PDB file of N, CA and C in Angstrom:
ATOM      1  N   GLN A   1      12.279 -16.467  -5.843  1.00  0.00           N
ATOM      2  CA  GLN A   1      12.167 -15.359  -4.992  1.00  0.00           C
ATOM      3  C   GLN A   1      11.297 -14.311  -5.500  1.00  0.00           C
ATOM      4  N   VAL A   2      10.425 -13.806  -4.635  1.00  0.00           N
ATOM      5  CA  VAL A   2       9.361 -12.812  -5.056  1.00  0.00           C
ATOM      6  C   VAL A   2      10.084 -11.395  -5.137  1.00  0.00           C
ATOM      7  N   GLN A   3       9.732 -10.637  -6.154  1.00  0.00           N
ATOM      8  CA  GLN A   3      10.110  -9.241  -6.198  1.00  0.00           C
ATOM      9  C   GLN A   3       8.892  -8.364  -6.495  1.00  0.00           C
ATOM     10  N   LEU A   4       8.901  -7.224  -5.820  1.00  0.00           N
ATOM     11  CA  LEU A   4       7.758  -6.331  -5.893  1.00  0.00           C
ATOM     12  C   LEU A   4       8.255  -4.933  -6.435  1.00  0.00           C
ATOM     13  N   VAL A   5       7.529  -4.401  -7.353  1.00  0.00           N
ATOM     14  CA  VAL A   5       7.873  -3.107  -7.942  1.00  0.00           C
ATOM     15  C   VAL A   5       6.714  -2.165  -7.914  1.00  0.00           C
ATOM     16  N   GLU A   6       6.821  -1.130  -7.111  1.00  0.00           N
ATOM     17  CA  GLU A   6       5.735  -0.118  -7.111  1.00  0.00           C
ATOM     18  C   GLU A   6       5.915   0.913  -8.219  1.00  0.00           C
ATOM     19  N   SER A   7       4.766   1.577  -8.512  1.00  0.00           N
ATOM     20  CA  SER A   7       4.744   2.645  -9.513  1.00  0.00           C
ATOM     21  C   SER A   7       3.519   3.460  -9.240  1.00  0.00           C
ATOM     22  N   GLY A   8       3.493   4.644  -9.890  1.00  0.00           N
ATOM     23  CA  GLY A   8       2.354   5.516  -9.849  1.00  0.00           C
ATOM     24  C   GLY A   8       2.449   6.681  -8.874  1.00  0.00           C
ATOM     25  N   GLY A   9       3.499   6.764  -8.157  1.00  0.00           N
ATOM     26  CA  GLY A   9       3.773   7.929  -7.267  1.00  0.00           C
ATOM     27  C   GLY A   9       4.021   9.170  -8.107  1.00  0.00           C
ATOM     28  N   GLY A  10       3.908  10.246  -7.344  1.00  0.00           N
ATOM     29  CA  GLY A  10       4.226  11.541  -7.987  1.00  0.00           C
ATOM     30  C   GLY A  10       3.756  12.710  -7.103  1.00  0.00           C
ATOM     31  N   LEU A  11       3.594  13.911  -7.703  1.00  0.00           N
ATOM     32  CA  LEU A  11       3.237  15.136  -7.092  1.00  0.00           C
ATOM     33  C   LEU A  11       1.776  15.378  -7.364  1.00  0.00           C
ATOM     34  N   VAL A  12       1.014  15.665  -6.320  1.00  0.00           N
ATOM     35  CA  VAL A  12      -0.318  15.859  -6.447  1.00  0.00           C
ATOM     36  C   VAL A  12      -0.816  17.002  -5.551  1.00  0.00           C
ATOM     37  N   GLN A  13      -1.779  17.788  -5.876  1.00  0.00           N
ATOM     38  CA  GLN A  13      -2.216  18.906  -5.018  1.00  0.00           C
ATOM     39  C   GLN A  13      -3.184  18.397  -3.870  1.00  0.00           C
ATOM     40  N   PRO A  14      -3.242  19.084  -2.722  1.00  0.00           N
ATOM     41  CA  PRO A  14      -4.209  18.744  -1.764  1.00  0.00           C
ATOM     42  C   PRO A  14      -5.580  18.538  -2.324  1.00  0.00           C
ATOM     43  N   GLY A  15      -6.281  17.503  -1.835  1.00  0.00           N
ATOM     44  CA  GLY A  15      -7.611  17.211  -2.287  1.00  0.00           C
ATOM     45  C   GLY A  15      -7.659  16.376  -3.627  1.00  0.00           C
ATOM     46  N   GLY A  16      -6.499  16.111  -4.165  1.00  0.00           N
ATOM     47  CA  GLY A  16      -6.465  15.326  -5.356  1.00  0.00           C
ATOM     48  C   GLY A  16      -6.355  13.805  -5.142  1.00  0.00           C
ATOM     49  N   SER A  17      -6.252  13.044  -6.179  1.00  0.00           N
ATOM     50  CA  SER A  17      -6.238  11.598  -6.194  1.00  0.00           C
ATOM     51  C   SER A  17      -5.061  10.987  -6.879  1.00  0.00           C
ATOM     52  N   LEU A  18      -4.600   9.818  -6.481  1.00  0.00           N
ATOM     53  CA  LEU A  18      -3.518   9.168  -7.066  1.00  0.00           C
ATOM     54  C   LEU A  18      -3.733   7.681  -6.976  1.00  0.00           C
ATOM     55  N   ARG A  19      -3.337   6.884  -7.902  1.00  0.00           N
ATOM     56  CA  ARG A  19      -3.454   5.443  -7.916  1.00  0.00           C
ATOM     57  C   ARG A  19      -2.026   4.808  -7.976  1.00  0.00           C
ATOM     58  N   LEU A  20      -1.726   3.988  -7.002  1.00  0.00           N
ATOM     59  CA  LEU A  20      -0.465   3.322  -6.923  1.00  0.00           C
ATOM     60  C   LEU A  20      -0.636   1.856  -7.352  1.00  0.00           C
ATOM     61  N   SER A  21       0.446   1.299  -8.030  1.00  0.00           N
ATOM     62  CA  SER A  21       0.445  -0.165  -8.306  1.00  0.00           C
ATOM     63  C   SER A  21       1.575  -0.752  -7.817  1.00  0.00           C
ATOM     64  N   CYS A  22       1.429  -2.085  -7.616  1.00  0.00           N
ATOM     65  CA  CYS A  22       2.569  -2.927  -7.206  1.00  0.00           C
ATOM     66  C   CYS A  22       2.507  -4.279  -7.951  1.00  0.00           C
ATOM     67  N   ALA A  23       3.458  -4.446  -8.797  1.00  0.00           N
ATOM     68  CA  ALA A  23       3.549  -5.628  -9.571  1.00  0.00           C
ATOM     69  C   ALA A  23       4.502  -6.620  -8.950  1.00  0.00           C
ATOM     70  N   ALA A  24       4.083  -7.967  -8.885  1.00  0.00           N
ATOM     71  CA  ALA A  24       4.865  -8.883  -8.288  1.00  0.00           C
ATOM     72  C   ALA A  24       5.319  -9.846  -9.241  1.00  0.00           C
ATOM     73  N   SER A  25       6.580 -10.337  -9.137  1.00  0.00           N
ATOM     74  CA  SER A  25       7.159 -11.407  -9.988  1.00  0.00           C
ATOM     75  C   SER A  25       7.388 -12.554  -9.050  1.00  0.00           C
ATOM     76  N   GLY A  26       7.465 -13.758  -9.623  1.00  0.00           N
ATOM     77  CA  GLY A  26       7.610 -15.021  -8.856  1.00  0.00           C
ATOM     78  C   GLY A  26       6.282 -15.557  -8.490  1.00  0.00           C
ATOM     79  N   ARG A  27       6.364 -16.695  -7.826  1.00  0.00           N
ATOM     80  CA  ARG A  27       5.145 -17.459  -7.437  1.00  0.00           C
ATOM     81  C   ARG A  27       4.742 -17.088  -6.045  1.00  0.00           C
ATOM     82  N   GLY A  28       3.380 -17.326  -5.728  1.00  0.00           N
ATOM     83  CA  GLY A  28       2.898 -17.112  -4.440  1.00  0.00           C
ATOM     84  C   GLY A  28       2.003 -15.884  -4.236  1.00  0.00           C
ATOM     85  N   PHE A  29       1.790 -15.086  -5.190  1.00  0.00           N
ATOM     86  CA  PHE A  29       1.070 -13.871  -5.059  1.00  0.00           C
ATOM     87  C   PHE A  29      -0.463 -14.138  -4.691  1.00  0.00           C
ATOM     88  N   SER A  30      -1.048 -14.915  -5.454  1.00  0.00           N
ATOM     89  CA  SER A  30      -2.540 -15.152  -5.323  1.00  0.00           C
ATOM     90  C   SER A  30      -2.824 -15.844  -3.984  1.00  0.00           C
ATOM     91  N   ALA A  31      -1.928 -16.541  -3.389  1.00  0.00           N
ATOM     92  CA  ALA A  31      -2.150 -17.267  -2.082  1.00  0.00           C
ATOM     93  C   ALA A  31      -1.901 -16.409  -0.852  1.00  0.00           C
ATOM     94  N   ASN A  32      -1.379 -15.215  -1.052  1.00  0.00           N
ATOM     95  CA  ASN A  32      -0.937 -14.392   0.105  1.00  0.00           C
ATOM     96  C   ASN A  32      -1.614 -13.047   0.137  1.00  0.00           C
ATOM     97  N   ALA A  33      -1.830 -12.514   1.421  1.00  0.00           N
ATOM     98  CA  ALA A  33      -2.274 -11.249   1.568  1.00  0.00           C
ATOM     99  C   ALA A  33      -1.232 -10.229   1.129  1.00  0.00           C
ATOM    100  N   MET A  34      -1.756  -9.102   0.693  1.00  0.00           N
ATOM    101  CA  MET A  34      -0.826  -7.968   0.303  1.00  0.00           C
ATOM    102  C   MET A  34      -1.195  -6.767   1.019  1.00  0.00           C
ATOM    103  N   GLY A  35      -0.178  -5.837   1.275  1.00  0.00           N
ATOM    104  CA  GLY A  35      -0.422  -4.680   2.029  1.00  0.00           C
ATOM    105  C   GLY A  35       0.407  -3.536   1.501  1.00  0.00           C
ATOM    106  N   TRP A  36      -0.005  -2.374   1.974  1.00  0.00           N
ATOM    107  CA  TRP A  36       0.730  -1.085   1.695  1.00  0.00           C
ATOM    108  C   TRP A  36       1.073  -0.510   3.018  1.00  0.00           C
ATOM    109  N   TYR A  37       2.264   0.041   3.046  1.00  0.00           N
ATOM    110  CA  TYR A  37       2.830   0.844   4.117  1.00  0.00           C
ATOM    111  C   TYR A  37       3.357   2.079   3.591  1.00  0.00           C
ATOM    112  N   ARG A  38       3.532   3.114   4.479  1.00  0.00           N
ATOM    113  CA  ARG A  38       4.186   4.352   4.063  1.00  0.00           C
ATOM    114  C   ARG A  38       5.131   4.849   5.144  1.00  0.00           C
ATOM    115  N   GLN A  39       6.121   5.589   4.669  1.00  0.00           N
ATOM    116  CA  GLN A  39       7.056   6.201   5.571  1.00  0.00           C
ATOM    117  C   GLN A  39       7.389   7.594   5.183  1.00  0.00           C
ATOM    118  N   ALA A  40       7.041   8.569   6.138  1.00  0.00           N
ATOM    119  CA  ALA A  40       7.302   9.958   5.922  1.00  0.00           C
ATOM    120  C   ALA A  40       8.762  10.277   6.507  1.00  0.00           C
ATOM    121  N   PRO A  41       9.360  11.424   6.003  1.00  0.00           N
ATOM    122  CA  PRO A  41      10.654  11.669   6.458  1.00  0.00           C
ATOM    123  C   PRO A  41      10.658  11.833   7.978  1.00  0.00           C
ATOM    124  N   GLY A  42      11.684  11.263   8.639  1.00  0.00           N
ATOM    125  CA  GLY A  42      11.786  11.346  10.080  1.00  0.00           C
ATOM    126  C   GLY A  42      10.783  10.563  10.891  1.00  0.00           C
ATOM    127  N   LYS A  43       9.964   9.785  10.265  1.00  0.00           N
ATOM    128  CA  LYS A  43       8.960   8.985  10.896  1.00  0.00           C
ATOM    129  C   LYS A  43       9.150   7.449  10.692  1.00  0.00           C
ATOM    130  N   GLN A  44       8.482   6.687  11.575  1.00  0.00           N
ATOM    131  CA  GLN A  44       8.547   5.236  11.306  1.00  0.00           C
ATOM    132  C   GLN A  44       7.574   4.769  10.154  1.00  0.00           C
ATOM    133  N   ARG A  45       7.907   3.680   9.647  1.00  0.00           N
ATOM    134  CA  ARG A  45       6.999   3.112   8.684  1.00  0.00           C
ATOM    135  C   ARG A  45       5.714   2.677   9.284  1.00  0.00           C
ATOM    136  N   GLU A  46       4.565   3.027   8.602  1.00  0.00           N
ATOM    137  CA  GLU A  46       3.287   2.729   9.224  1.00  0.00           C
ATOM    138  C   GLU A  46       2.372   2.001   8.285  1.00  0.00           C
ATOM    139  N   PHE A  47       1.507   1.202   8.868  1.00  0.00           N
ATOM    140  CA  PHE A  47       0.616   0.427   8.041  1.00  0.00           C
ATOM    141  C   PHE A  47      -0.431   1.304   7.366  1.00  0.00           C
ATOM    142  N   VAL A  48      -0.860   0.994   6.144  1.00  0.00           N
ATOM    143  CA  VAL A  48      -1.875   1.816   5.449  1.00  0.00           C
ATOM    144  C   VAL A  48      -3.127   0.894   5.160  1.00  0.00           C
ATOM    145  N   ALA A  49      -2.866  -0.213   4.599  1.00  0.00           N
ATOM    146  CA  ALA A  49      -4.031  -1.093   4.148  1.00  0.00           C
ATOM    147  C   ALA A  49      -3.525  -2.491   3.778  1.00  0.00           C
ATOM    148  N   LEU A  50      -4.364  -3.424   3.824  1.00  0.00           N
ATOM    149  CA  LEU A  50      -4.137  -4.769   3.422  1.00  0.00           C
ATOM    150  C   LEU A  50      -5.352  -5.359   2.777  1.00  0.00           C
ATOM    151  N   ILE A  51      -5.081  -6.367   1.951  1.00  0.00           N
ATOM    152  CA  ILE A  51      -6.143  -7.206   1.327  1.00  0.00           C
ATOM    153  C   ILE A  51      -5.710  -8.637   1.337  1.00  0.00           C
ATOM    154  N   THR A  52      -6.632  -9.525   1.699  1.00  0.00           N
ATOM    155  CA  THR A  52      -6.389 -10.962   1.821  1.00  0.00           C
ATOM    156  C   THR A  52      -6.460 -11.595   0.496  1.00  0.00           C
ATOM    157  N   SER A  53      -6.018 -12.824   0.467  1.00  0.00           N
ATOM    158  CA  SER A  53      -6.204 -13.615  -0.779  1.00  0.00           C
ATOM    159  C   SER A  53      -7.520 -13.811  -1.198  1.00  0.00           C
ATOM    160  N   GLY A  54      -8.557 -13.733  -0.266  1.00  0.00           N
ATOM    161  CA  GLY A  54      -9.932 -13.813  -0.649  1.00  0.00           C
ATOM    162  C   GLY A  54     -10.652 -12.514  -0.893  1.00  0.00           C
ATOM    163  N   GLY A  55      -9.895 -11.336  -0.730  1.00  0.00           N
ATOM    164  CA  GLY A  55     -10.488 -10.049  -1.077  1.00  0.00           C
ATOM    165  C   GLY A  55     -10.924  -9.271   0.083  1.00  0.00           C
ATOM    166  N   SER A  56     -10.858  -9.724   1.296  1.00  0.00           N
ATOM    167  CA  SER A  56     -11.146  -8.900   2.490  1.00  0.00           C
ATOM    168  C   SER A  56     -10.121  -7.800   2.688  1.00  0.00           C
ATOM    169  N   THR A  57     -10.565  -6.641   3.088  1.00  0.00           N
ATOM    170  CA  THR A  57      -9.700  -5.463   3.304  1.00  0.00           C
ATOM    171  C   THR A  57      -9.637  -4.927   4.706  1.00  0.00           C
ATOM    172  N   ASN A  58      -8.619  -4.252   4.989  1.00  0.00           N
ATOM    173  CA  ASN A  58      -8.475  -3.568   6.261  1.00  0.00           C
ATOM    174  C   ASN A  58      -7.626  -2.360   6.108  1.00  0.00           C
ATOM    175  N   TYR A  59      -8.004  -1.237   6.860  1.00  0.00           N
ATOM    176  CA  TYR A  59      -7.256  -0.011   6.615  1.00  0.00           C
ATOM    177  C   TYR A  59      -6.873   0.631   7.977  1.00  0.00           C
ATOM    178  N   ALA A  60      -5.794   1.394   7.979  1.00  0.00           N
ATOM    179  CA  ALA A  60      -5.502   2.124   9.165  1.00  0.00           C
ATOM    180  C   ALA A  60      -6.648   3.199   9.436  1.00  0.00           C
ATOM    181  N   GLY A  61      -7.008   3.238  10.659  1.00  0.00           N
ATOM    182  CA  GLY A  61      -8.145   4.148  11.093  1.00  0.00           C
ATOM    183  C   GLY A  61      -7.952   5.601  10.767  1.00  0.00           C
ATOM    184  N   SER A  62      -6.726   6.013  10.792  1.00  0.00           N
ATOM    185  CA  SER A  62      -6.411   7.373  10.579  1.00  0.00           C
ATOM    186  C   SER A  62      -6.668   7.910   9.113  1.00  0.00           C
ATOM    187  N   LEU A  63      -6.798   6.954   8.179  1.00  0.00           N
ATOM    188  CA  LEU A  63      -7.083   7.331   6.898  1.00  0.00           C
ATOM    189  C   LEU A  63      -8.457   7.684   6.544  1.00  0.00           C
ATOM    190  N   LYS A  64      -9.357   7.333   7.386  1.00  0.00           N
ATOM    191  CA  LYS A  64     -10.858   7.885   7.361  1.00  0.00           C
ATOM    192  C   LYS A  64     -11.454   7.461   6.054  1.00  0.00           C
ATOM    193  N   GLY A  65     -11.217   6.279   5.518  1.00  0.00           N
ATOM    194  CA  GLY A  65     -11.974   5.805   4.311  1.00  0.00           C
ATOM    195  C   GLY A  65     -11.551   6.510   3.054  1.00  0.00           C
ATOM    196  N   ARG A  66     -10.432   7.257   3.026  1.00  0.00           N
ATOM    197  CA  ARG A  66      -9.964   7.868   1.800  1.00  0.00           C
ATOM    198  C   ARG A  66      -9.274   6.956   0.928  1.00  0.00           C
ATOM    199  N   PHE A  67      -8.720   5.811   1.308  1.00  0.00           N
ATOM    200  CA  PHE A  67      -7.922   4.906   0.498  1.00  0.00           C
ATOM    201  C   PHE A  67      -8.623   3.697   0.232  1.00  0.00           C
ATOM    202  N   THR A  68      -8.426   3.040  -0.896  1.00  0.00           N
ATOM    203  CA  THR A  68      -8.982   1.799  -1.252  1.00  0.00           C
ATOM    204  C   THR A  68      -7.901   0.865  -1.776  1.00  0.00           C
ATOM    205  N   ILE A  69      -7.813  -0.318  -1.328  1.00  0.00           N
ATOM    206  CA  ILE A  69      -6.902  -1.297  -1.718  1.00  0.00           C
ATOM    207  C   ILE A  69      -7.624  -2.329  -2.558  1.00  0.00           C
ATOM    208  N   SER A  70      -7.025  -2.814  -3.644  1.00  0.00           N
ATOM    209  CA  SER A  70      -7.625  -3.854  -4.524  1.00  0.00           C
ATOM    210  C   SER A  70      -6.500  -4.712  -5.088  1.00  0.00           C
ATOM    211  N   ARG A  71      -6.901  -5.868  -5.671  1.00  0.00           N
ATOM    212  CA  ARG A  71      -5.920  -6.689  -6.325  1.00  0.00           C
ATOM    213  C   ARG A  71      -6.503  -7.279  -7.595  1.00  0.00           C
ATOM    214  N   ASP A  72      -5.535  -7.667  -8.485  1.00  0.00           N
ATOM    215  CA  ASP A  72      -5.823  -8.379  -9.681  1.00  0.00           C
ATOM    216  C   ASP A  72      -4.866  -9.553  -9.798  1.00  0.00           C
ATOM    217  N   ASN A  73      -5.380 -10.790  -9.399  1.00  0.00           N
ATOM    218  CA  ASN A  73      -4.512 -11.903  -9.276  1.00  0.00           C
ATOM    219  C   ASN A  73      -4.024 -12.345 -10.672  1.00  0.00           C
ATOM    220  N   ALA A  74      -4.818 -12.068 -11.668  1.00  0.00           N
ATOM    221  CA  ALA A  74      -4.352 -12.468 -12.995  1.00  0.00           C
ATOM    222  C   ALA A  74      -3.144 -11.727 -13.515  1.00  0.00           C
ATOM    223  N   LYS A  75      -2.993 -10.469 -12.965  1.00  0.00           N
ATOM    224  CA  LYS A  75      -1.894  -9.583 -13.308  1.00  0.00           C
ATOM    225  C   LYS A  75      -0.803  -9.602 -12.194  1.00  0.00           C
ATOM    226  N   ASN A  76      -0.960 -10.376 -11.094  1.00  0.00           N
ATOM    227  CA  ASN A  76      -0.157 -10.294  -9.963  1.00  0.00           C
ATOM    228  C   ASN A  76       0.130  -8.876  -9.527  1.00  0.00           C
ATOM    229  N   THR A  77      -0.890  -8.089  -9.355  1.00  0.00           N
ATOM    230  CA  THR A  77      -0.794  -6.677  -9.025  1.00  0.00           C
ATOM    231  C   THR A  77      -1.766  -6.332  -7.984  1.00  0.00           C
ATOM    232  N   VAL A  78      -1.309  -5.470  -7.073  1.00  0.00           N
ATOM    233  CA  VAL A  78      -2.197  -4.898  -6.025  1.00  0.00           C
ATOM    234  C   VAL A  78      -2.140  -3.338  -6.261  1.00  0.00           C
ATOM    235  N   TYR A  79      -3.308  -2.706  -5.941  1.00  0.00           N
ATOM    236  CA  TYR A  79      -3.374  -1.220  -6.138  1.00  0.00           C
ATOM    237  C   TYR A  79      -3.817  -0.524  -4.831  1.00  0.00           C
ATOM    238  N   LEU A  80      -3.464   0.674  -4.881  1.00  0.00           N
ATOM    239  CA  LEU A  80      -4.005   1.555  -3.769  1.00  0.00           C
ATOM    240  C   LEU A  80      -4.479   2.841  -4.449  1.00  0.00           C
ATOM    241  N   GLN A  81      -5.774   3.005  -4.397  1.00  0.00           N
ATOM    242  CA  GLN A  81      -6.417   4.239  -4.824  1.00  0.00           C
ATOM    243  C   GLN A  81      -6.599   5.212  -3.670  1.00  0.00           C
ATOM    244  N   MET A  82      -6.049   6.427  -3.858  1.00  0.00           N
ATOM    245  CA  MET A  82      -6.066   7.435  -2.781  1.00  0.00           C
ATOM    246  C   MET A  82      -6.816   8.642  -3.283  1.00  0.00           C
ATOM    247  N   HIS A  83      -7.697   9.102  -2.381  1.00  0.00           N
ATOM    248  CA  HIS A  83      -8.486  10.193  -2.645  1.00  0.00           C
ATOM    249  C   HIS A  83      -8.414  11.200  -1.486  1.00  0.00           C
ATOM    250  N   SER A  84      -8.783  12.505  -1.781  1.00  0.00           N
ATOM    251  CA  SER A  84      -8.774  13.579  -0.820  1.00  0.00           C
ATOM    252  C   SER A  84      -7.400  13.646  -0.159  1.00  0.00           C
ATOM    253  N   LEU A  85      -6.379  13.666  -0.918  1.00  0.00           N
ATOM    254  CA  LEU A  85      -4.969  13.644  -0.290  1.00  0.00           C
ATOM    255  C   LEU A  85      -4.721  14.903   0.402  1.00  0.00           C
ATOM    256  N   LYS A  86      -3.925  14.699   1.512  1.00  0.00           N
ATOM    257  CA  LYS A  86      -3.523  15.742   2.384  1.00  0.00           C
ATOM    258  C   LYS A  86      -2.033  15.811   2.376  1.00  0.00           C
ATOM    259  N   PRO A  87      -1.444  17.018   2.761  1.00  0.00           N
ATOM    260  CA  PRO A  87      -0.017  17.090   2.852  1.00  0.00           C
ATOM    261  C   PRO A  87       0.630  16.047   3.809  1.00  0.00           C
ATOM    262  N   GLU A  88      -0.121  15.641   4.803  1.00  0.00           N
ATOM    263  CA  GLU A  88       0.432  14.731   5.749  1.00  0.00           C
ATOM    264  C   GLU A  88       0.448  13.271   5.113  1.00  0.00           C
ATOM    265  N   ASP A  89      -0.065  13.081   3.959  1.00  0.00           N
ATOM    266  CA  ASP A  89       0.004  11.797   3.267  1.00  0.00           C
ATOM    267  C   ASP A  89       1.328  11.646   2.493  1.00  0.00           C
ATOM    268  N   THR A  90       2.097  12.766   2.492  1.00  0.00           N
ATOM    269  CA  THR A  90       3.404  12.717   1.787  1.00  0.00           C
ATOM    270  C   THR A  90       4.279  11.691   2.442  1.00  0.00           C
ATOM    271  N   ALA A  91       4.776  10.746   1.643  1.00  0.00           N
ATOM    272  CA  ALA A  91       5.574   9.683   2.142  1.00  0.00           C
ATOM    273  C   ALA A  91       6.080   8.788   0.980  1.00  0.00           C
ATOM    274  N   VAL A  92       6.938   7.904   1.243  1.00  0.00           N
ATOM    275  CA  VAL A  92       7.325   6.839   0.385  1.00  0.00           C
ATOM    276  C   VAL A  92       6.379   5.678   0.672  1.00  0.00           C
ATOM    277  N   TYR A  93       5.747   5.118  -0.357  1.00  0.00           N
ATOM    278  CA  TYR A  93       4.698   4.117  -0.199  1.00  0.00           C
ATOM    279  C   TYR A  93       5.367   2.791  -0.652  1.00  0.00           C
ATOM    280  N   TYR A  94       5.266   1.784   0.233  1.00  0.00           N
ATOM    281  CA  TYR A  94       5.781   0.466  -0.066  1.00  0.00           C
ATOM    282  C   TYR A  94       4.687  -0.571  -0.031  1.00  0.00           C
ATOM    283  N   CYS A  95       4.803  -1.534  -0.993  1.00  0.00           N
ATOM    284  CA  CYS A  95       3.964  -2.686  -0.936  1.00  0.00           C
ATOM    285  C   CYS A  95       4.618  -3.818  -0.285  1.00  0.00           C
ATOM    286  N   ASN A  96       3.812  -4.796   0.292  1.00  0.00           N
ATOM    287  CA  ASN A  96       4.402  -5.862   1.070  1.00  0.00           C
ATOM    288  C   ASN A  96       3.638  -7.109   0.842  1.00  0.00           C
ATOM    289  N   LEU A  97       4.359  -8.226   0.639  1.00  0.00           N
ATOM    290  CA  LEU A  97       3.741  -9.564   0.421  1.00  0.00           C
ATOM    291  C   LEU A  97       3.785 -10.354   1.663  1.00  0.00           C
ATOM    292  N   GLY A  98       2.664 -10.968   2.027  1.00  0.00           N
ATOM    293  CA  GLY A  98       2.474 -11.806   3.213  1.00  0.00           C
ATOM    294  C   GLY A  98       2.109 -11.162   4.488  1.00  0.00           C
ATOM    295  N   ILE A  99       1.605  -9.996   4.406  1.00  0.00           N
ATOM    296  CA  ILE A  99       1.155  -9.229   5.641  1.00  0.00           C
ATOM    297  C   ILE A  99       0.027 -10.114   6.309  1.00  0.00           C
ATOM    298  N   ARG A 100       0.076 -10.046   7.631  1.00  0.00           N
ATOM    299  CA  ARG A 100      -0.952 -10.845   8.535  1.00  0.00           C
ATOM    300  C   ARG A 100      -1.606  -9.959   9.417  1.00  0.00           C
ATOM    301  N   SER A 101      -2.903 -10.047   9.408  1.00  0.00           N
ATOM    302  CA  SER A 101      -3.703  -9.273  10.260  1.00  0.00           C
ATOM    303  C   SER A 101      -3.699  -9.721  11.658  1.00  0.00           C
ATOM    304  N   ARG A 102      -4.035  -8.742  12.609  1.00  0.00           N
ATOM    305  CA  ARG A 102      -4.151  -9.126  14.051  1.00  0.00           C
ATOM    306  C   ARG A 102      -5.524  -8.621  14.539  1.00  0.00           C
ATOM    307  N   TRP A 103      -6.038  -9.154  15.609  1.00  0.00           N
ATOM    308  CA  TRP A 103      -7.238  -8.739  16.167  1.00  0.00           C
ATOM    309  C   TRP A 103      -7.025  -7.418  16.815  1.00  0.00           C
ATOM    310  N   TYR A 104      -5.904  -7.137  17.249  1.00  0.00           N
ATOM    311  CA  TYR A 104      -5.582  -5.934  17.937  1.00  0.00           C
ATOM    312  C   TYR A 104      -4.307  -5.336  17.493  1.00  0.00           C
ATOM    313  N   GLY A 105      -4.184  -4.103  17.231  1.00  0.00           N
ATOM    314  CA  GLY A 105      -2.915  -3.458  16.917  1.00  0.00           C
ATOM    315  C   GLY A 105      -2.649  -3.584  15.349  1.00  0.00           C
ATOM    316  N   ALA A 106      -1.419  -3.054  14.958  1.00  0.00           N
ATOM    317  CA  ALA A 106      -1.056  -3.145  13.536  1.00  0.00           C
ATOM    318  C   ALA A 106      -0.799  -4.474  13.088  1.00  0.00           C
ATOM    319  N   PRO A 107      -0.964  -4.762  11.819  1.00  0.00           N
ATOM    320  CA  PRO A 107      -0.610  -6.052  11.228  1.00  0.00           C
ATOM    321  C   PRO A 107       0.893  -6.344  11.217  1.00  0.00           C
ATOM    322  N   ASP A 108       1.217  -7.594  11.096  1.00  0.00           N
ATOM    323  CA  ASP A 108       2.605  -7.945  10.908  1.00  0.00           C
ATOM    324  C   ASP A 108       2.935  -8.052   9.474  1.00  0.00           C
ATOM    325  N   PRO A 109       3.996  -7.364   8.945  1.00  0.00           N
ATOM    326  CA  PRO A 109       4.339  -7.505   7.572  1.00  0.00           C
ATOM    327  C   PRO A 109       4.988  -8.761   7.267  1.00  0.00           C
ATOM    328  N   GLY A 110       4.971  -9.108   5.995  1.00  0.00           N
ATOM    329  CA  GLY A 110       5.751 -10.227   5.405  1.00  0.00           C
ATOM    330  C   GLY A 110       7.178  -9.711   5.124  1.00  0.00           C
ATOM    331  N   ASN A 111       8.008 -10.691   4.610  1.00  0.00           N
ATOM    332  CA  ASN A 111       9.384 -10.345   4.451  1.00  0.00           C
ATOM    333  C   ASN A 111       9.684  -9.745   3.141  1.00  0.00           C
ATOM    334  N   TYR A 112       8.672  -9.584   2.236  1.00  0.00           N
ATOM    335  CA  TYR A 112       9.010  -9.119   0.960  1.00  0.00           C
ATOM    336  C   TYR A 112       8.453  -7.757   0.678  1.00  0.00           C
ATOM    337  N   TRP A 113       9.366  -6.801   0.353  1.00  0.00           N
ATOM    338  CA  TRP A 113       9.082  -5.373   0.151  1.00  0.00           C
ATOM    339  C   TRP A 113       9.406  -4.962  -1.224  1.00  0.00           C
ATOM    340  N   GLY A 114       8.614  -3.944  -1.681  1.00  0.00           N
ATOM    341  CA  GLY A 114       9.090  -3.258  -2.926  1.00  0.00           C
ATOM    342  C   GLY A 114      10.073  -2.155  -2.540  1.00  0.00           C
ATOM    343  N   GLN A 115      10.530  -1.480  -3.595  1.00  0.00           N
ATOM    344  CA  GLN A 115      11.568  -0.359  -3.403  1.00  0.00           C
ATOM    345  C   GLN A 115      10.865   0.935  -2.985  1.00  0.00           C
ATOM    346  N   GLY A 116       9.572   1.037  -3.145  1.00  0.00           N
ATOM    347  CA  GLY A 116       8.924   2.210  -2.719  1.00  0.00           C
ATOM    348  C   GLY A 116       8.698   3.193  -3.876  1.00  0.00           C
ATOM    349  N   THR A 117       7.645   3.952  -3.706  1.00  0.00           N
ATOM    350  CA  THR A 117       7.359   5.004  -4.707  1.00  0.00           C
ATOM    351  C   THR A 117       6.910   6.288  -3.981  1.00  0.00           C
ATOM    352  N   GLN A 118       7.445   7.476  -4.369  1.00  0.00           N
ATOM    353  CA  GLN A 118       7.296   8.699  -3.628  1.00  0.00           C
ATOM    354  C   GLN A 118       5.943   9.351  -3.931  1.00  0.00           C
ATOM    355  N   VAL A 119       5.231   9.662  -2.923  1.00  0.00           N
ATOM    356  CA  VAL A 119       3.971  10.452  -3.107  1.00  0.00           C
ATOM    357  C   VAL A 119       4.155  11.729  -2.358  1.00  0.00           C
ATOM    358  N   THR A 120       4.028  12.861  -3.067  1.00  0.00           N
ATOM    359  CA  THR A 120       4.139  14.192  -2.496  1.00  0.00           C
ATOM    360  C   THR A 120       2.898  14.989  -2.674  1.00  0.00           C
ATOM    361  N   VAL A 121       2.229  15.395  -1.634  1.00  0.00           N
ATOM    362  CA  VAL A 121       1.049  16.176  -1.617  1.00  0.00           C
ATOM    363  C   VAL A 121       1.379  17.630  -1.257  1.00  0.00           C
ATOM    364  N   SER A 122       1.275  18.550  -2.216  1.00  0.00           N
ATOM    365  CA  SER A 122       1.727  19.949  -1.975  1.00  0.00           C
ATOM    366  C   SER A 122       1.118  20.875  -2.970  1.00  0.00           C
ATOM    367  N   SER A 123       0.874  22.097  -2.574  1.00  0.00           N
ATOM    368  CA  SER A 123       0.422  23.032  -3.520  1.00  0.00           C
ATOM    369  C   SER A 123       1.564  23.692  -4.278  1.00  0.00           C
TER     370      SER A 123
END
């Protein structure tokens, strides 16, 4: 069974940067797409970014190019580099194994989730 563990969250000022990591245990990482989601207090979980097994990426349009997803298959790890952070980026960020893209609308998540890491953007 796959387990995912996020790290790298914390408190950052508006306009700052933060890098999140998600380490996977178990088999199947390199053959599957990976994704990041986030959930702010009182709001639904929303898609942030995905990266396929071949390295193709996709992002939520609302992020306006501020986030970058990458992966290191040798380390079974996916990353989310965040720049120009805004207070509305404050949320718990979750990684997901097995996310599937759609031609229209939000992607479908896989069944494997990490425990989440808190990102707080505030002065």
